[in-house]
């Protein structure tokens, strides 16, 4: 392998939100895995790469050797919206698929992403188990909760990021600016949005009656589980399984497909090849691309600046 080239794999790939920033830094994705057939369609259309299916059925020995492992593993077992069963949920055990691949392939670095509730789940014991297992594999571990609002996106999306290095490398997570794009740069004009996205008159009137403050525009109207309405200059977190009317633009309509992608920071030329129901699910399960980009650059910086023994120089040169 040329010392200027480095490779990564994209597990639980979704629609490629983690892939984009690492590819932009010069990495080559040599393996991807995603079990959902509709997400596979979107991924293939945008990257010309059909992900392998269910990772639980893939032998770790069959996965190519790689420098970096990426995995936004399923969050439902730990989510405040879900039942928070954690490792008691079969989806929660998917962490151990990541573990077996890391153990076999020993990538030089990895980046994992999950909901912030992972940290506090089961009074912190679940996250302790995860950290313990990763450290026992020989990795130096760093973790932090980051909010997409701090990285330019008008979406309050807090996630835990776990970075690991096979060597003892100092690492600092990025610090966001705290500024985000105005909704005017995300939203499409109402007259350009299909009529099917507009809520019924009954729902619109109901939202307005529940609103406790003077509405302002543009805004996103959020209804929480208790039925209370918030009117905000940004979106609350996109959710795969949320009510169709969970978030309403200006209290009257749902997001279009392009708006959903913009809220997660996907490029304007990202292809939409599925219906809106599937796209809502895909963007709700996705990562905020600018946050991944900021973390990836910090990983690159840490590897570049580390003072390394001569014997490790070639091993750690892939980001240079």
C-alpha atoms as a PDB file:
ATOM      1  CA  UNK A   1       0.000   0.000   0.000  1.00  0.00           C
ATOM      2  CA  UNK A   2       1.265   3.474  -0.913  1.00  0.00           C
ATOM      3  CA  UNK A   3       2.049   5.419   2.282  1.00  0.00           C
ATOM      4  CA  UNK A   4      -0.168   8.272   1.066  1.00  0.00           C
ATOM      5  CA  UNK A   5      -3.186   5.988   0.687  1.00  0.00           C
ATOM      6  CA  UNK A   6      -5.347   4.729   3.507  1.00  0.00           C
ATOM      7  CA  UNK A   7      -8.513   2.714   3.710  1.00  0.00           C
ATOM      8  CA  UNK A   8     -11.631   2.543   5.826  1.00  0.00           C
ATOM      9  CA  UNK A   9     -14.732   0.422   6.251  1.00  0.00           C
ATOM     10  CA  UNK A  10     -18.263   1.718   6.786  1.00  0.00           C
ATOM     11  CA  UNK A  11     -20.366  -0.455   9.108  1.00  0.00           C
ATOM     12  CA  UNK A  12     -24.083   0.119   9.754  1.00  0.00           C
ATOM     13  CA  UNK A  13     -23.542   2.467   6.835  1.00  0.00           C
ATOM     14  CA  UNK A  14     -27.081   3.825   6.460  1.00  0.00           C
ATOM     15  CA  UNK A  15     -26.943   6.277   3.567  1.00  0.00           C
ATOM     16  CA  UNK A  16     -23.245   7.094   3.908  1.00  0.00           C
ATOM     17  CA  UNK A  17     -23.125  10.060   6.269  1.00  0.00           C
ATOM     18  CA  UNK A  18     -19.916   8.826   7.876  1.00  0.00           C
ATOM     19  CA  UNK A  19     -18.352   7.852   4.564  1.00  0.00           C
ATOM     20  CA  UNK A  20     -18.532  11.286   2.950  1.00  0.00           C
ATOM     21  CA  UNK A  21     -16.081  13.182   5.245  1.00  0.00           C
ATOM     22  CA  UNK A  22     -13.521  10.367   5.375  1.00  0.00           C
ATOM     23  CA  UNK A  23     -13.571  10.039   1.601  1.00  0.00           C
ATOM     24  CA  UNK A  24     -13.104  13.813   1.328  1.00  0.00           C
ATOM     25  CA  UNK A  25      -9.951  13.457   3.452  1.00  0.00           C
ATOM     26  CA  UNK A  26      -8.553  11.015   0.901  1.00  0.00           C
ATOM     27  CA  UNK A  27      -9.597   7.673   2.335  1.00  0.00           C
ATOM     28  CA  UNK A  28     -10.785   4.786   0.203  1.00  0.00           C
ATOM     29  CA  UNK A  29     -13.834   2.870   1.395  1.00  0.00           C
ATOM     30  CA  UNK A  30     -13.097  -0.808   0.737  1.00  0.00           C
ATOM     31  CA  UNK A  31     -16.046  -2.402   2.529  1.00  0.00           C
ATOM     32  CA  UNK A  32     -19.507  -1.303   3.636  1.00  0.00           C
ATOM     33  CA  UNK A  33     -22.360  -3.057   5.396  1.00  0.00           C
ATOM     34  CA  UNK A  34     -26.024  -2.098   5.718  1.00  0.00           C
ATOM     35  CA  UNK A  35     -28.930  -4.496   6.141  1.00  0.00           C
ATOM     36  CA  UNK A  36     -31.859  -2.238   5.143  1.00  0.00           C
ATOM     37  CA  UNK A  37     -32.622  -2.716   1.441  1.00  0.00           C
ATOM     38  CA  UNK A  38     -33.929   0.832   0.921  1.00  0.00           C
ATOM     39  CA  UNK A  39     -30.850   2.358   2.556  1.00  0.00           C
ATOM     40  CA  UNK A  40     -28.777   0.086   0.337  1.00  0.00           C
ATOM     41  CA  UNK A  41     -30.520   1.595  -2.705  1.00  0.00           C
ATOM     42  CA  UNK A  42     -29.697   5.145  -1.620  1.00  0.00           C
ATOM     43  CA  UNK A  43     -26.115   4.188  -0.756  1.00  0.00           C
ATOM     44  CA  UNK A  44     -25.517   2.438  -4.068  1.00  0.00           C
ATOM     45  CA  UNK A  45     -26.991   5.286  -6.082  1.00  0.00           C
ATOM     46  CA  UNK A  46     -24.729   7.841  -4.424  1.00  0.00           C
ATOM     47  CA  UNK A  47     -21.479   5.895  -4.057  1.00  0.00           C
ATOM     48  CA  UNK A  48     -21.729   3.257  -6.792  1.00  0.00           C
ATOM     49  CA  UNK A  49     -21.141   0.683  -4.072  1.00  0.00           C
ATOM     50  CA  UNK A  50     -23.650  -1.907  -2.910  1.00  0.00           C
ATOM     51  CA  UNK A  51     -23.190  -2.550   0.824  1.00  0.00           C
ATOM     52  CA  UNK A  52     -22.956  -6.095   2.104  1.00  0.00           C
ATOM     53  CA  UNK A  53     -25.952  -7.132   4.153  1.00  0.00           C
ATOM     54  CA  UNK A  54     -26.435  -8.145   7.785  1.00  0.00           C
ATOM     55  CA  UNK A  55     -23.102  -7.747   9.580  1.00  0.00           C
ATOM     56  CA  UNK A  56     -24.002 -10.508  12.057  1.00  0.00           C
ATOM     57  CA  UNK A  57     -23.809 -12.985   9.183  1.00  0.00           C
ATOM     58  CA  UNK A  58     -20.434 -11.793   7.850  1.00  0.00           C
ATOM     59  CA  UNK A  59     -17.258 -13.538   8.982  1.00  0.00           C
ATOM     60  CA  UNK A  60     -14.786 -10.953  10.266  1.00  0.00           C
ATOM     61  CA  UNK A  61     -11.986 -12.784   8.455  1.00  0.00           C
ATOM     62  CA  UNK A  62     -13.740 -12.032   5.152  1.00  0.00           C
ATOM     63  CA  UNK A  63     -13.600  -8.259   5.748  1.00  0.00           C
ATOM     64  CA  UNK A  64     -10.581  -6.606   4.086  1.00  0.00           C
ATOM     65  CA  UNK A  65      -7.753  -5.253   6.209  1.00  0.00           C
ATOM     66  CA  UNK A  66      -8.273  -1.532   6.758  1.00  0.00           C
ATOM     67  CA  UNK A  67      -6.819   1.495   8.543  1.00  0.00           C
ATOM     68  CA  UNK A  68      -9.992   3.038   9.982  1.00  0.00           C
ATOM     69  CA  UNK A  69     -13.294   1.502  11.080  1.00  0.00           C
ATOM     70  CA  UNK A  70     -16.452   3.614  11.066  1.00  0.00           C
ATOM     71  CA  UNK A  71     -19.671   2.510  12.743  1.00  0.00           C
ATOM     72  CA  UNK A  72     -22.814   4.407  13.667  1.00  0.00           C
ATOM     73  CA  UNK A  73     -24.220   1.332  15.352  1.00  0.00           C
ATOM     74  CA  UNK A  74     -27.992   1.084  16.032  1.00  0.00           C
ATOM     75  CA  UNK A  75     -29.148   3.442  18.742  1.00  0.00           C
ATOM     76  CA  UNK A  76     -32.685   2.235  19.517  1.00  0.00           C
ATOM     77  CA  UNK A  77     -31.702   0.002  22.469  1.00  0.00           C
ATOM     78  CA  UNK A  78     -30.229   3.034  24.250  1.00  0.00           C
ATOM     79  CA  UNK A  79     -32.501   5.835  23.022  1.00  0.00           C
ATOM     80  CA  UNK A  80     -34.751   7.889  25.290  1.00  0.00           C
ATOM     81  CA  UNK A  81     -37.450   7.351  22.662  1.00  0.00           C
ATOM     82  CA  UNK A  82     -37.001   3.567  22.694  1.00  0.00           C
ATOM     83  CA  UNK A  83     -37.406   1.166  25.575  1.00  0.00           C
ATOM     84  CA  UNK A  84     -33.756   1.503  26.646  1.00  0.00           C
ATOM     85  CA  UNK A  85     -33.208  -2.242  26.907  1.00  0.00           C
ATOM     86  CA  UNK A  86     -29.566  -1.846  25.911  1.00  0.00           C
ATOM     87  CA  UNK A  87     -27.691  -5.133  25.685  1.00  0.00           C
ATOM     88  CA  UNK A  88     -30.951  -6.886  26.514  1.00  0.00           C
ATOM     89  CA  UNK A  89     -32.135  -5.876  23.021  1.00  0.00           C
ATOM     90  CA  UNK A  90     -30.730  -7.916  20.142  1.00  0.00           C
ATOM     91  CA  UNK A  91     -29.799  -4.695  18.365  1.00  0.00           C
ATOM     92  CA  UNK A  92     -27.725  -3.676  21.382  1.00  0.00           C
ATOM     93  CA  UNK A  93     -25.529  -6.742  20.948  1.00  0.00           C
ATOM     94  CA  UNK A  94     -24.418  -5.404  17.558  1.00  0.00           C
ATOM     95  CA  UNK A  95     -21.658  -3.608  19.442  1.00  0.00           C
ATOM     96  CA  UNK A  96     -20.062  -7.008  19.891  1.00  0.00           C
ATOM     97  CA  UNK A  97     -19.967  -7.423  16.108  1.00  0.00           C
ATOM     98  CA  UNK A  98     -17.910  -4.249  15.994  1.00  0.00           C
ATOM     99  CA  UNK A  99     -15.721  -5.680  18.727  1.00  0.00           C
ATOM    100  CA  UNK A 100     -15.045  -8.957  16.903  1.00  0.00           C
ATOM    101  CA  UNK A 101     -14.097  -7.092  13.726  1.00  0.00           C
ATOM    102  CA  UNK A 102     -11.764  -4.715  15.584  1.00  0.00           C
ATOM    103  CA  UNK A 103     -10.185  -7.657  17.405  1.00  0.00           C
ATOM    104  CA  UNK A 104      -9.544  -9.536  14.171  1.00  0.00           C
ATOM    105  CA  UNK A 105      -8.485  -6.634  11.952  1.00  0.00           C
ATOM    106  CA  UNK A 106      -6.805  -4.283  14.451  1.00  0.00           C
ATOM    107  CA  UNK A 107      -7.460  -1.036  12.522  1.00  0.00           C
ATOM    108  CA  UNK A 108      -5.213   1.855  13.441  1.00  0.00           C
ATOM    109  CA  UNK A 109      -8.217   3.978  14.444  1.00  0.00           C
ATOM    110  CA  UNK A 110     -11.978   3.857  14.732  1.00  0.00           C
ATOM    111  CA  UNK A 111     -14.934   6.204  15.118  1.00  0.00           C
ATOM    112  CA  UNK A 112     -18.197   5.049  16.687  1.00  0.00           C
ATOM    113  CA  UNK A 113     -21.415   7.069  17.041  1.00  0.00           C
ATOM    114  CA  UNK A 114     -24.572   6.582  19.096  1.00  0.00           C
ATOM    115  CA  UNK A 115     -27.261   8.483  21.001  1.00  0.00           C
ATOM    116  CA  UNK A 116     -26.187  10.464  24.063  1.00  0.00           C
ATOM    117  CA  UNK A 117     -28.309   8.205  26.296  1.00  0.00           C
ATOM    118  CA  UNK A 118     -25.747   5.457  25.764  1.00  0.00           C
ATOM    119  CA  UNK A 119     -23.557   7.203  28.358  1.00  0.00           C
ATOM    120  CA  UNK A 120     -26.172   7.074  31.127  1.00  0.00           C
ATOM    121  CA  UNK A 121     -27.916   3.822  30.169  1.00  0.00           C
ATOM    122  CA  UNK A 122     -28.231   1.372  33.067  1.00  0.00           C
ATOM    123  CA  UNK A 123     -26.630   3.964  35.374  1.00  0.00           C
ATOM    124  CA  UNK A 124     -23.549   4.099  33.179  1.00  0.00           C
ATOM    125  CA  UNK A 125     -22.843   0.382  33.276  1.00  0.00           C
ATOM    126  CA  UNK A 126     -23.524  -0.225  29.582  1.00  0.00           C
ATOM    127  CA  UNK A 127     -21.049   2.432  28.490  1.00  0.00           C
ATOM    128  CA  UNK A 128     -18.527   1.147  31.020  1.00  0.00           C
ATOM    129  CA  UNK A 129     -18.739  -2.313  29.429  1.00  0.00           C
ATOM    130  CA  UNK A 130     -18.201  -0.814  25.963  1.00  0.00           C
ATOM    131  CA  UNK A 131     -15.156   1.190  27.071  1.00  0.00           C
ATOM    132  CA  UNK A 132     -13.719  -1.761  28.944  1.00  0.00           C
ATOM    133  CA  UNK A 133     -13.996  -4.038  25.923  1.00  0.00           C
ATOM    134  CA  UNK A 134     -12.413  -1.482  23.595  1.00  0.00           C
ATOM    135  CA  UNK A 135      -9.529  -0.822  25.981  1.00  0.00           C
ATOM    136  CA  UNK A 136      -8.920  -4.549  26.394  1.00  0.00           C
ATOM    137  CA  UNK A 137      -8.389  -4.662  22.623  1.00  0.00           C
ATOM    138  CA  UNK A 138      -5.444  -2.305  23.144  1.00  0.00           C
ATOM    139  CA  UNK A 139      -7.018   1.008  22.140  1.00  0.00           C
ATOM    140  CA  UNK A 140      -6.646   4.474  23.605  1.00  0.00           C
ATOM    141  CA  UNK A 141     -10.239   5.731  23.933  1.00  0.00           C
ATOM    142  CA  UNK A 142     -11.738   9.237  23.820  1.00  0.00           C
ATOM    143  CA  UNK A 143     -15.432  10.128  23.910  1.00  0.00           C
ATOM    144  CA  UNK A 144     -17.604  13.216  23.948  1.00  0.00           C
ATOM    145  CA  UNK A 145     -21.191  14.307  23.328  1.00  0.00           C
ATOM    146  CA  UNK A 146     -21.415  16.735  20.403  1.00  0.00           C
ATOM    147  CA  UNK A 147     -24.426  18.705  19.171  1.00  0.00           C
ATOM    148  CA  UNK A 148     -25.064  19.344  15.473  1.00  0.00           C
ATOM    149  CA  UNK A 149     -26.299  22.837  16.411  1.00  0.00           C
ATOM    150  CA  UNK A 150     -22.701  23.738  17.282  1.00  0.00           C
ATOM    151  CA  UNK A 151     -21.431  22.666  13.874  1.00  0.00           C
ATOM    152  CA  UNK A 152     -23.534  24.747  11.533  1.00  0.00           C
ATOM    153  CA  UNK A 153     -26.742  22.745  11.233  1.00  0.00           C
ATOM    154  CA  UNK A 154     -30.103  24.074  12.475  1.00  0.00           C
ATOM    155  CA  UNK A 155     -30.881  20.761  14.154  1.00  0.00           C
ATOM    156  CA  UNK A 156     -30.544  19.981  17.861  1.00  0.00           C
ATOM    157  CA  UNK A 157     -28.953  16.560  17.578  1.00  0.00           C
ATOM    158  CA  UNK A 158     -26.769  15.387  20.457  1.00  0.00           C
ATOM    159  CA  UNK A 159     -24.735  12.233  19.936  1.00  0.00           C
ATOM    160  CA  UNK A 160     -21.899  10.429  21.693  1.00  0.00           C
ATOM    161  CA  UNK A 161     -18.742   9.968  19.625  1.00  0.00           C
ATOM    162  CA  UNK A 162     -16.099   7.413  20.578  1.00  0.00           C
ATOM    163  CA  UNK A 163     -12.659   7.672  18.994  1.00  0.00           C
ATOM    164  CA  UNK A 164     -10.033   4.983  19.449  1.00  0.00           C
ATOM    165  CA  UNK A 165      -6.378   4.706  18.431  1.00  0.00           C
ATOM    166  CA  UNK A 166      -4.329   1.529  18.448  1.00  0.00           C
ATOM    167  CA  UNK A 167      -1.338   3.569  19.640  1.00  0.00           C
ATOM    168  CA  UNK A 168      -1.214   6.035  22.522  1.00  0.00           C
ATOM    169  CA  UNK A 169      -2.066   9.211  20.638  1.00  0.00           C
ATOM    170  CA  UNK A 170      -3.283  12.457  22.171  1.00  0.00           C
ATOM    171  CA  UNK A 171      -6.620  13.580  20.778  1.00  0.00           C
ATOM    172  CA  UNK A 172      -8.929  16.558  21.277  1.00  0.00           C
ATOM    173  CA  UNK A 173     -12.497  16.662  20.041  1.00  0.00           C
ATOM    174  CA  UNK A 174     -13.489  19.641  17.887  1.00  0.00           C
ATOM    175  CA  UNK A 175     -15.129  22.661  19.478  1.00  0.00           C
ATOM    176  CA  UNK A 176     -18.075  23.957  17.495  1.00  0.00           C
ATOM    177  CA  UNK A 177     -18.729  27.600  16.783  1.00  0.00           C
ATOM    178  CA  UNK A 178     -22.162  27.509  18.397  1.00  0.00           C
ATOM    179  CA  UNK A 179     -23.546  29.087  15.235  1.00  0.00           C
ATOM    180  CA  UNK A 180     -25.876  27.400  12.808  1.00  0.00           C
ATOM    181  CA  UNK A 181     -27.392  28.161   9.423  1.00  0.00           C
ATOM    182  CA  UNK A 182     -30.661  30.078   9.472  1.00  0.00           C
ATOM    183  CA  UNK A 183     -33.679  28.057   8.461  1.00  0.00           C
ATOM    184  CA  UNK A 184     -34.012  30.296   5.419  1.00  0.00           C
ATOM    185  CA  UNK A 185     -30.982  28.497   3.959  1.00  0.00           C
ATOM    186  CA  UNK A 186     -32.520  25.071   4.566  1.00  0.00           C
ATOM    187  CA  UNK A 187     -36.201  25.471   3.751  1.00  0.00           C
ATOM    188  CA  UNK A 188     -37.753  25.470   0.309  1.00  0.00           C
ATOM    189  CA  UNK A 189     -40.506  27.941  -0.603  1.00  0.00           C
ATOM    190  CA  UNK A 190     -43.921  26.554   0.259  1.00  0.00           C
ATOM    191  CA  UNK A 191     -45.073  26.912  -3.335  1.00  0.00           C
ATOM    192  CA  UNK A 192     -42.275  24.555  -4.424  1.00  0.00           C
ATOM    193  CA  UNK A 193     -43.315  21.855  -1.962  1.00  0.00           C
ATOM    194  CA  UNK A 194     -45.800  19.175  -2.980  1.00  0.00           C
ATOM    195  CA  UNK A 195     -49.284  19.617  -1.516  1.00  0.00           C
ATOM    196  CA  UNK A 196     -49.085  16.187   0.134  1.00  0.00           C
ATOM    197  CA  UNK A 197     -46.557  17.562   2.635  1.00  0.00           C
ATOM    198  CA  UNK A 198     -49.039  20.035   4.119  1.00  0.00           C
ATOM    199  CA  UNK A 199     -50.814  19.058   7.325  1.00  0.00           C
ATOM    200  CA  UNK A 200     -54.591  18.971   7.482  1.00  0.00           C
ATOM    201  CA  UNK A 201     -56.493  22.029   8.645  1.00  0.00           C
ATOM    202  CA  UNK A 202     -57.427  20.141  11.827  1.00  0.00           C
ATOM    203  CA  UNK A 203     -53.786  19.524  12.736  1.00  0.00           C
ATOM    204  CA  UNK A 204     -52.756  23.082  11.899  1.00  0.00           C
ATOM    205  CA  UNK A 205     -55.501  24.549  14.089  1.00  0.00           C
ATOM    206  CA  UNK A 206     -54.657  22.121  16.886  1.00  0.00           C
ATOM    207  CA  UNK A 207     -50.978  23.127  16.803  1.00  0.00           C
ATOM    208  CA  UNK A 208     -51.857  26.802  16.878  1.00  0.00           C
ATOM    209  CA  UNK A 209     -54.170  26.337  19.885  1.00  0.00           C
ATOM    210  CA  UNK A 210     -51.472  24.465  21.807  1.00  0.00           C
ATOM    211  CA  UNK A 211     -48.815  27.058  21.036  1.00  0.00           C
ATOM    212  CA  UNK A 212     -48.056  29.071  24.186  1.00  0.00           C
ATOM    213  CA  UNK A 213     -45.907  31.767  22.563  1.00  0.00           C
ATOM    214  CA  UNK A 214     -46.341  34.230  19.723  1.00  0.00           C
ATOM    215  CA  UNK A 215     -45.267  32.321  16.578  1.00  0.00           C
ATOM    216  CA  UNK A 216     -42.404  33.637  14.461  1.00  0.00           C
ATOM    217  CA  UNK A 217     -41.293  32.674  10.970  1.00  0.00           C
ATOM    218  CA  UNK A 218     -39.471  30.773   9.661  1.00  0.00           C
ATOM    219  CA  UNK A 219     -39.667  28.286  12.507  1.00  0.00           C
ATOM    220  CA  UNK A 220     -40.036  24.603  13.254  1.00  0.00           C
ATOM    221  CA  UNK A 221     -42.941  23.575  15.444  1.00  0.00           C
ATOM    222  CA  UNK A 222     -42.089  20.596  17.620  1.00  0.00           C
ATOM    223  CA  UNK A 223     -44.631  18.480  19.495  1.00  0.00           C
ATOM    224  CA  UNK A 224     -43.177  16.485  22.380  1.00  0.00           C
ATOM    225  CA  UNK A 225     -44.518  13.244  23.847  1.00  0.00           C
ATOM    226  CA  UNK A 226     -46.698  15.227  26.268  1.00  0.00           C
ATOM    227  CA  UNK A 227     -48.359  17.107  23.411  1.00  0.00           C
ATOM    228  CA  UNK A 228     -46.686  20.442  24.188  1.00  0.00           C
ATOM    229  CA  UNK A 229     -45.683  22.639  21.265  1.00  0.00           C
ATOM    230  CA  UNK A 230     -42.340  24.439  20.935  1.00  0.00           C
ATOM    231  CA  UNK A 231     -41.714  27.022  18.235  1.00  0.00           C
ATOM    232  CA  UNK A 232     -38.000  27.097  17.461  1.00  0.00           C
ATOM    233  CA  UNK A 233     -35.522  28.696  15.018  1.00  0.00           C
ATOM    234  CA  UNK A 234     -34.071  25.207  14.452  1.00  0.00           C
ATOM    235  CA  UNK A 235     -35.301  21.639  14.196  1.00  0.00           C
ATOM    236  CA  UNK A 236     -35.327  19.165  17.039  1.00  0.00           C
ATOM    237  CA  UNK A 237     -33.574  15.890  16.225  1.00  0.00           C
ATOM    238  CA  UNK A 238     -34.837  14.059  13.161  1.00  0.00           C
ATOM    239  CA  UNK A 239     -36.148  10.649  14.223  1.00  0.00           C
ATOM    240  CA  UNK A 240     -36.691   7.576  12.100  1.00  0.00           C
ATOM    241  CA  UNK A 241     -39.851   6.425  13.844  1.00  0.00           C
ATOM    242  CA  UNK A 242     -41.403   9.749  14.795  1.00  0.00           C
ATOM    243  CA  UNK A 243     -44.982  10.748  14.149  1.00  0.00           C
ATOM    244  CA  UNK A 244     -45.436  12.180  10.679  1.00  0.00           C
ATOM    245  CA  UNK A 245     -46.421  15.479  12.316  1.00  0.00           C
ATOM    246  CA  UNK A 246     -43.670  15.473  14.978  1.00  0.00           C
ATOM    247  CA  UNK A 247     -41.991  18.455  13.275  1.00  0.00           C
ATOM    248  CA  UNK A 248     -43.875  20.994  11.171  1.00  0.00           C
ATOM    249  CA  UNK A 249     -42.349  23.819   9.161  1.00  0.00           C
ATOM    250  CA  UNK A 250     -44.051  27.041  10.313  1.00  0.00           C
ATOM    251  CA  UNK A 251     -46.706  24.852  11.916  1.00  0.00           C
ATOM    252  CA  UNK A 252     -48.240  23.967   8.569  1.00  0.00           C
ATOM    253  CA  UNK A 253     -46.228  21.366   6.665  1.00  0.00           C
ATOM    254  CA  UNK A 254     -43.726  18.539   6.897  1.00  0.00           C
ATOM    255  CA  UNK A 255     -40.148  18.624   5.650  1.00  0.00           C
ATOM    256  CA  UNK A 256     -39.461  17.813   2.019  1.00  0.00           C
ATOM    257  CA  UNK A 257     -36.845  15.188   1.183  1.00  0.00           C
ATOM    258  CA  UNK A 258     -34.226  17.766   0.247  1.00  0.00           C
ATOM    259  CA  UNK A 259     -34.834  19.695   3.463  1.00  0.00           C
ATOM    260  CA  UNK A 260     -34.310  16.531   5.512  1.00  0.00           C
ATOM    261  CA  UNK A 261     -30.975  15.918   3.805  1.00  0.00           C
ATOM    262  CA  UNK A 262     -29.917  19.536   4.318  1.00  0.00           C
ATOM    263  CA  UNK A 263     -30.696  19.274   8.029  1.00  0.00           C
ATOM    264  CA  UNK A 264     -28.161  16.440   8.216  1.00  0.00           C
ATOM    265  CA  UNK A 265     -25.599  18.304   6.111  1.00  0.00           C
ATOM    266  CA  UNK A 266     -25.674  16.143   2.978  1.00  0.00           C
ATOM    267  CA  UNK A 267     -24.476  17.770  -0.258  1.00  0.00           C
ATOM    268  CA  UNK A 268     -27.016  19.298  -2.616  1.00  0.00           C
ATOM    269  CA  UNK A 269     -26.237  16.747  -5.311  1.00  0.00           C
ATOM    270  CA  UNK A 270     -27.033  13.793  -3.037  1.00  0.00           C
ATOM    271  CA  UNK A 271     -29.488  11.643  -4.974  1.00  0.00           C
ATOM    272  CA  UNK A 272     -32.958  10.862  -3.665  1.00  0.00           C
ATOM    273  CA  UNK A 273     -34.064   7.470  -5.015  1.00  0.00           C
ATOM    274  CA  UNK A 274     -36.634   6.339  -2.418  1.00  0.00           C
ATOM    275  CA  UNK A 275     -40.035   7.620  -1.351  1.00  0.00           C
ATOM    276  CA  UNK A 276     -40.452  10.199   1.403  1.00  0.00           C
ATOM    277  CA  UNK A 277     -41.398   7.588   4.022  1.00  0.00           C
ATOM    278  CA  UNK A 278     -38.108   5.766   3.501  1.00  0.00           C
ATOM    279  CA  UNK A 279     -36.130   8.999   3.275  1.00  0.00           C
ATOM    280  CA  UNK A 280     -37.556  10.194   6.606  1.00  0.00           C
ATOM    281  CA  UNK A 281     -36.403   6.914   8.132  1.00  0.00           C
ATOM    282  CA  UNK A 282     -32.982   7.167   6.493  1.00  0.00           C
ATOM    283  CA  UNK A 283     -32.276  10.745   7.544  1.00  0.00           C
ATOM    284  CA  UNK A 284     -33.625  10.052  11.028  1.00  0.00           C
ATOM    285  CA  UNK A 285     -31.119   7.208  11.366  1.00  0.00           C
ATOM    286  CA  UNK A 286     -28.265   9.139   9.789  1.00  0.00           C
ATOM    287  CA  UNK A 287     -25.427  11.172  11.240  1.00  0.00           C
ATOM    288  CA  UNK A 288     -24.865  14.909  10.970  1.00  0.00           C
ATOM    289  CA  UNK A 289     -22.216  15.075   8.249  1.00  0.00           C
ATOM    290  CA  UNK A 290     -20.487  18.326   9.420  1.00  0.00           C
ATOM    291  CA  UNK A 291     -19.974  16.849  12.900  1.00  0.00           C
ATOM    292  CA  UNK A 292     -18.352  13.732  11.429  1.00  0.00           C
ATOM    293  CA  UNK A 293     -16.215  15.964   9.226  1.00  0.00           C
ATOM    294  CA  UNK A 294     -14.979  17.985  12.211  1.00  0.00           C
ATOM    295  CA  UNK A 295     -14.125  14.833  14.180  1.00  0.00           C
ATOM    296  CA  UNK A 296     -12.398  13.239  11.184  1.00  0.00           C
ATOM    297  CA  UNK A 297     -10.181  16.292  10.732  1.00  0.00           C
ATOM    298  CA  UNK A 298      -9.212  16.178  14.410  1.00  0.00           C
ATOM    299  CA  UNK A 299      -8.337  12.498  14.048  1.00  0.00           C
ATOM    300  CA  UNK A 300      -6.175  13.414  11.068  1.00  0.00           C
ATOM    301  CA  UNK A 301      -4.534  16.211  13.025  1.00  0.00           C
ATOM    302  CA  UNK A 302      -3.807  13.948  16.008  1.00  0.00           C
ATOM    303  CA  UNK A 303      -2.135  11.371  13.800  1.00  0.00           C
ATOM    304  CA  UNK A 304      -0.107  13.961  11.933  1.00  0.00           C
ATOM    305  CA  UNK A 305       1.173  15.751  15.021  1.00  0.00           C
ATOM    306  CA  UNK A 306       2.000  12.758  17.185  1.00  0.00           C
ATOM    307  CA  UNK A 307       5.682  12.284  17.891  1.00  0.00           C
ATOM    308  CA  UNK A 308       6.224   8.679  16.915  1.00  0.00           C
ATOM    309  CA  UNK A 309       9.002   6.158  17.350  1.00  0.00           C
ATOM    310  CA  UNK A 310      10.712   5.288  14.063  1.00  0.00           C
ATOM    311  CA  UNK A 311       9.214   1.787  14.091  1.00  0.00           C
ATOM    312  CA  UNK A 312       5.681   3.250  14.025  1.00  0.00           C
ATOM    313  CA  UNK A 313       6.220   5.881  11.333  1.00  0.00           C
ATOM    314  CA  UNK A 314       4.970   3.777   8.436  1.00  0.00           C
ATOM    315  CA  UNK A 315       2.032   2.423  10.437  1.00  0.00           C
ATOM    316  CA  UNK A 316       0.690   5.862  11.255  1.00  0.00           C
ATOM    317  CA  UNK A 317       1.316   7.713   8.003  1.00  0.00           C
ATOM    318  CA  UNK A 318      -1.982   6.999   6.262  1.00  0.00           C
ATOM    319  CA  UNK A 319      -3.555  10.359   7.125  1.00  0.00           C
ATOM    320  CA  UNK A 320      -0.582  12.384   5.848  1.00  0.00           C
END
